[in-house]
Amino acid sequence: MVKQVSASDAKNNFGGLLDDVAALGRVEIVKHGRPVAVVLSPRALEEVVSARAASGERSSWDEKHMIPPASARAARMLKPAAGFDDE
């Protein structure tokens, strides 16, 4: 069974949420009794991606997200631009 936590508990105890994800691999966040998010460990995510690739299933990322995950990762700011947050 997948562990479920309320959105407010996830917000108020984020460190505990991360501990649960690391131990269990997957935690669902629920709001008003409905799942609104799923937090996966890197290991669990890799299992999902590998299973989809092995089955030949097309990734839903292309249909649901404007920026592919690889591009989003590459776009992370590695160091602030000059003048960023300077006073």
C-alpha atoms as a PDB file:
ATOM      1  CA  MET A   1       0.000   0.000   0.000  1.00  0.00           C
ATOM      2  CA  VAL A   2       1.180   3.500  -0.850  1.00  0.00           C
ATOM      3  CA  LYS A   3       1.512   5.963   2.014  1.00  0.00           C
ATOM      4  CA  GLN A   4      -0.728   9.011   1.792  1.00  0.00           C
ATOM      5  CA  VAL A   5      -0.204  12.304   3.607  1.00  0.00           C
ATOM      6  CA  SER A   6      -2.312  15.432   3.603  1.00  0.00           C
ATOM      7  CA  ALA A   7      -1.054  18.468   1.730  1.00  0.00           C
ATOM      8  CA  SER A   8      -0.819  20.447   4.967  1.00  0.00           C
ATOM      9  CA  ASP A   9       1.170  17.660   6.676  1.00  0.00           C
ATOM     10  CA  ALA A  10       3.503  17.494   3.668  1.00  0.00           C
ATOM     11  CA  LYS A  11       4.045  21.266   3.856  1.00  0.00           C
ATOM     12  CA  ASN A  12       4.516  21.384   7.612  1.00  0.00           C
ATOM     13  CA  ASN A  13       6.761  18.315   7.788  1.00  0.00           C
ATOM     14  CA  PHE A  14       8.662  18.379   4.503  1.00  0.00           C
ATOM     15  CA  GLY A  15      11.725  16.701   6.007  1.00  0.00           C
ATOM     16  CA  GLY A  16       9.567  13.829   7.230  1.00  0.00           C
ATOM     17  CA  LEU A  17       7.982  13.561   3.778  1.00  0.00           C
ATOM     18  CA  LEU A  18      11.441  13.233   2.223  1.00  0.00           C
ATOM     19  CA  ASP A  19      12.377  10.562   4.781  1.00  0.00           C
ATOM     20  CA  ASP A  20       9.217   8.605   3.918  1.00  0.00           C
ATOM     21  CA  VAL A  21       9.917   8.883   0.182  1.00  0.00           C
ATOM     22  CA  ALA A  22      13.490   7.690   0.679  1.00  0.00           C
ATOM     23  CA  ALA A  23      12.295   4.706   2.724  1.00  0.00           C
ATOM     24  CA  LEU A  24       9.160   3.784   0.756  1.00  0.00           C
ATOM     25  CA  GLY A  25       9.934   5.025  -2.757  1.00  0.00           C
ATOM     26  CA  ARG A  26       6.540   6.689  -3.214  1.00  0.00           C
ATOM     27  CA  VAL A  27       4.226   8.916  -1.187  1.00  0.00           C
ATOM     28  CA  GLU A  28       0.918  10.375  -2.366  1.00  0.00           C
ATOM     29  CA  ILE A  29      -0.130  13.827  -1.236  1.00  0.00           C
ATOM     30  CA  VAL A  30      -3.890  14.166  -0.818  1.00  0.00           C
ATOM     31  CA  LYS A  31      -6.097  17.210  -0.542  1.00  0.00           C
ATOM     32  CA  HIS A  32      -9.725  16.861   0.490  1.00  0.00           C
ATOM     33  CA  GLY A  33      -9.417  13.093   0.128  1.00  0.00           C
ATOM     34  CA  ARG A  34      -8.143  13.181  -3.471  1.00  0.00           C
ATOM     35  CA  PRO A  35      -4.571  12.491  -4.593  1.00  0.00           C
ATOM     36  CA  VAL A  36      -3.077  15.714  -5.980  1.00  0.00           C
ATOM     37  CA  ALA A  37       0.597  14.762  -6.224  1.00  0.00           C
ATOM     38  CA  VAL A  38       2.941  11.817  -6.049  1.00  0.00           C
ATOM     39  CA  VAL A  39       6.493  12.145  -4.763  1.00  0.00           C
ATOM     40  CA  LEU A  40       8.879   9.479  -6.053  1.00  0.00           C
ATOM     41  CA  SER A  41      12.397   8.611  -5.029  1.00  0.00           C
ATOM     42  CA  PRO A  42      14.988   8.636  -7.826  1.00  0.00           C
ATOM     43  CA  ARG A  43      15.087   4.823  -7.639  1.00  0.00           C
ATOM     44  CA  ALA A  44      11.303   4.530  -8.033  1.00  0.00           C
ATOM     45  CA  LEU A  45      11.274   7.034 -10.894  1.00  0.00           C
ATOM     46  CA  GLU A  46      13.995   5.112 -12.727  1.00  0.00           C
ATOM     47  CA  GLU A  47      11.963   1.904 -12.331  1.00  0.00           C
ATOM     48  CA  VAL A  48       8.919   3.584 -13.888  1.00  0.00           C
ATOM     49  CA  VAL A  49      10.943   5.027 -16.756  1.00  0.00           C
ATOM     50  CA  SER A  50      12.696   1.706 -17.414  1.00  0.00           C
ATOM     51  CA  ALA A  51       9.433  -0.235 -17.364  1.00  0.00           C
ATOM     52  CA  ARG A  52       7.861   2.164 -19.861  1.00  0.00           C
ATOM     53  CA  ALA A  53      10.886   2.009 -22.145  1.00  0.00           C
ATOM     54  CA  ALA A  54      10.923  -1.788 -22.027  1.00  0.00           C
ATOM     55  CA  SER A  55       7.223  -1.993 -22.887  1.00  0.00           C
ATOM     56  CA  GLY A  56       7.602   0.450 -25.781  1.00  0.00           C
ATOM     57  CA  GLU A  57       5.041   2.766 -24.191  1.00  0.00           C
ATOM     58  CA  ARG A  58       5.337   6.356 -25.320  1.00  0.00           C
ATOM     59  CA  SER A  59       6.130   8.869 -22.622  1.00  0.00           C
ATOM     60  CA  SER A  60       3.284  11.108 -21.561  1.00  0.00           C
ATOM     61  CA  TRP A  61       5.752  13.942 -20.885  1.00  0.00           C
ATOM     62  CA  ASP A  62       5.517  15.049 -24.500  1.00  0.00           C
ATOM     63  CA  GLU A  63       1.755  15.460 -24.253  1.00  0.00           C
ATOM     64  CA  LYS A  64       1.427  17.013 -20.801  1.00  0.00           C
ATOM     65  CA  HIS A  65       4.394  19.316 -20.359  1.00  0.00           C
ATOM     66  CA  MET A  66       5.662  22.203 -22.393  1.00  0.00           C
ATOM     67  CA  ILE A  67       9.298  21.692 -21.419  1.00  0.00           C
ATOM     68  CA  PRO A  68      10.818  18.193 -21.642  1.00  0.00           C
ATOM     69  CA  PRO A  69      12.457  17.086 -18.369  1.00  0.00           C
ATOM     70  CA  ALA A  70      15.952  17.069 -19.871  1.00  0.00           C
ATOM     71  CA  SER A  71      15.580  20.669 -21.060  1.00  0.00           C
ATOM     72  CA  ALA A  72      14.178  21.754 -17.703  1.00  0.00           C
ATOM     73  CA  ARG A  73      17.156  20.225 -15.893  1.00  0.00           C
ATOM     74  CA  ALA A  74      19.574  21.918 -18.305  1.00  0.00           C
ATOM     75  CA  ALA A  75      17.886  25.276 -17.755  1.00  0.00           C
ATOM     76  CA  ARG A  76      18.527  25.316 -14.006  1.00  0.00           C
ATOM     77  CA  MET A  77      20.547  28.323 -12.968  1.00  0.00           C
ATOM     78  CA  LEU A  78      23.959  26.999 -11.952  1.00  0.00           C
ATOM     79  CA  LYS A  79      25.253  30.358 -10.795  1.00  0.00           C
ATOM     80  CA  PRO A  80      23.424  33.653 -10.518  1.00  0.00           C
ATOM     81  CA  ALA A  81      23.944  36.160 -13.288  1.00  0.00           C
ATOM     82  CA  ALA A  82      26.145  39.164 -12.578  1.00  0.00           C
ATOM     83  CA  GLY A  83      24.162  41.774 -10.746  1.00  0.00           C
ATOM     84  CA  PHE A  84      21.597  39.266  -9.551  1.00  0.00           C
ATOM     85  CA  ASP A  85      20.419  40.216  -6.074  1.00  0.00           C
ATOM     86  CA  ASP A  86      23.172  42.852  -5.738  1.00  0.00           C
ATOM     87  CA  GLU A  87      22.308  45.941  -3.800  1.00  0.00           C
END
